[in-house]
Amino acid sequence: MTQDEPTDEEVVQTASDAAEGLIFSRYKQSNVRDCDVTVNFEDGILEVDVYINVPDDVAGPYPEQVADDAALTAQQAVDELFEE
């Protein structure tokens, strides 16, 4: 790793922030019963796991789709971080 590359901590924080940002752009925070974003970055491999629990009566997109979108958004944010 060169000096200019982000640290593992920066990668994890960037991915986590991006995923949470997407989740709360789709749902009001008060409508989310539970949300878990797990990010691992080891040996240059990024793993993002997102879980969202919202009540069935909350209008909006399917939680599974939002979780998938949040994970993709996290990966894209990390890609952009490395491109800087």
Protein backbone atom coordinates (compact mmCIF):
# COMPACT_ATOMS: atom_id res chain seq x y z
CA MET A 1 0.00 0.00 0.00
CA THR A 2 1.34 3.41 -0.91
CA GLN A 3 1.01 6.58 1.11
CA ASP A 4 -1.74 7.89 -1.15
CA GLU A 5 -4.07 4.93 -0.69
CA PRO A 6 -6.79 5.17 1.94
CA THR A 7 -6.35 3.29 5.18
CA ASP A 8 -8.48 0.24 5.97
CA GLU A 9 -10.32 2.35 8.55
CA GLU A 10 -11.13 5.03 5.94
CA VAL A 11 -12.42 2.37 3.55
CA VAL A 12 -14.69 0.83 6.19
CA GLN A 13 -16.01 4.22 7.32
CA THR A 14 -16.65 5.38 3.75
CA ALA A 15 -18.56 2.21 2.90
CA SER A 16 -20.58 2.31 6.11
CA ASP A 17 -21.49 5.99 5.71
CA ALA A 18 -22.55 5.47 2.09
CA ALA A 19 -24.74 2.48 2.91
CA GLU A 20 -26.43 4.22 5.84
CA GLY A 21 -26.91 7.36 3.77
CA LEU A 22 -28.76 5.42 1.11
CA ILE A 23 -30.94 3.60 3.63
CA PHE A 24 -32.04 6.81 5.29
CA SER A 25 -32.63 8.51 1.96
CA ARG A 26 -35.24 5.83 1.24
CA TYR A 27 -36.81 5.49 4.71
CA LYS A 28 -37.47 7.89 7.55
CA GLN A 29 -35.19 7.00 10.42
CA SER A 30 -38.23 6.60 12.69
CA ASN A 31 -39.62 3.92 10.35
CA VAL A 32 -36.55 1.71 10.61
CA ARG A 33 -36.89 -0.79 13.46
CA ASP A 34 -33.41 -2.18 13.02
CA CYS A 35 -30.54 -1.60 10.65
CA ASP A 36 -27.15 -3.24 10.55
CA VAL A 37 -24.33 -2.44 8.15
CA THR A 38 -21.30 -4.71 8.47
CA VAL A 39 -18.21 -3.80 6.48
CA ASN A 40 -14.98 -5.78 6.28
CA PHE A 41 -11.94 -4.75 4.28
CA GLU A 42 -9.10 -7.21 4.39
CA ASP A 43 -6.31 -7.86 1.91
CA GLY A 44 -7.93 -5.50 -0.58
CA ILE A 45 -11.27 -7.31 -0.49
CA LEU A 46 -14.38 -5.39 0.51
CA GLU A 47 -17.35 -7.21 2.01
CA VAL A 48 -20.56 -5.33 2.78
CA ASP A 49 -23.58 -6.90 4.46
CA VAL A 50 -26.72 -4.85 5.04
CA TYR A 51 -29.80 -5.80 7.06
CA ILE A 52 -32.89 -3.59 7.35
CA ASN A 53 -36.07 -4.21 9.33
CA VAL A 54 -39.03 -1.95 8.66
CA PRO A 55 -42.67 -2.56 9.61
CA ASP A 56 -44.83 -4.15 6.91
CA ASP A 57 -47.17 -1.17 6.92
CA VAL A 58 -44.45 1.35 5.99
CA ALA A 59 -44.84 2.59 2.44
CA GLY A 60 -41.75 2.47 0.32
CA PRO A 61 -39.43 0.12 -1.47
CA TYR A 62 -38.85 -3.46 -0.39
CA PRO A 63 -36.23 -3.63 2.38
CA GLU A 64 -34.33 -6.35 0.51
CA GLN A 65 -33.93 -4.07 -2.49
CA VAL A 66 -32.81 -1.16 -0.33
CA ALA A 67 -30.28 -3.44 1.40
CA ASP A 68 -28.89 -4.53 -1.99
CA ASP A 69 -28.78 -0.94 -3.21
CA ALA A 70 -27.04 0.16 0.00
CA ALA A 71 -24.35 -2.50 -0.42
CA LEU A 72 -23.78 -1.46 -4.04
CA THR A 73 -23.62 2.20 -3.03
CA ALA A 74 -21.01 1.32 -0.40
CA GLN A 75 -18.90 -0.48 -2.99
CA GLN A 76 -19.16 2.45 -5.40
CA ALA A 77 -18.14 4.91 -2.67
CA VAL A 78 -15.04 2.85 -1.94
CA ASP A 79 -14.21 2.64 -5.64
CA GLU A 80 -14.40 6.44 -5.81
CA LEU A 81 -12.24 6.72 -2.70
CA PHE A 82 -9.47 4.77 -4.42
CA GLU A 83 -9.81 6.84 -7.60
CA GLU A 84 -9.13 10.13 -5.76
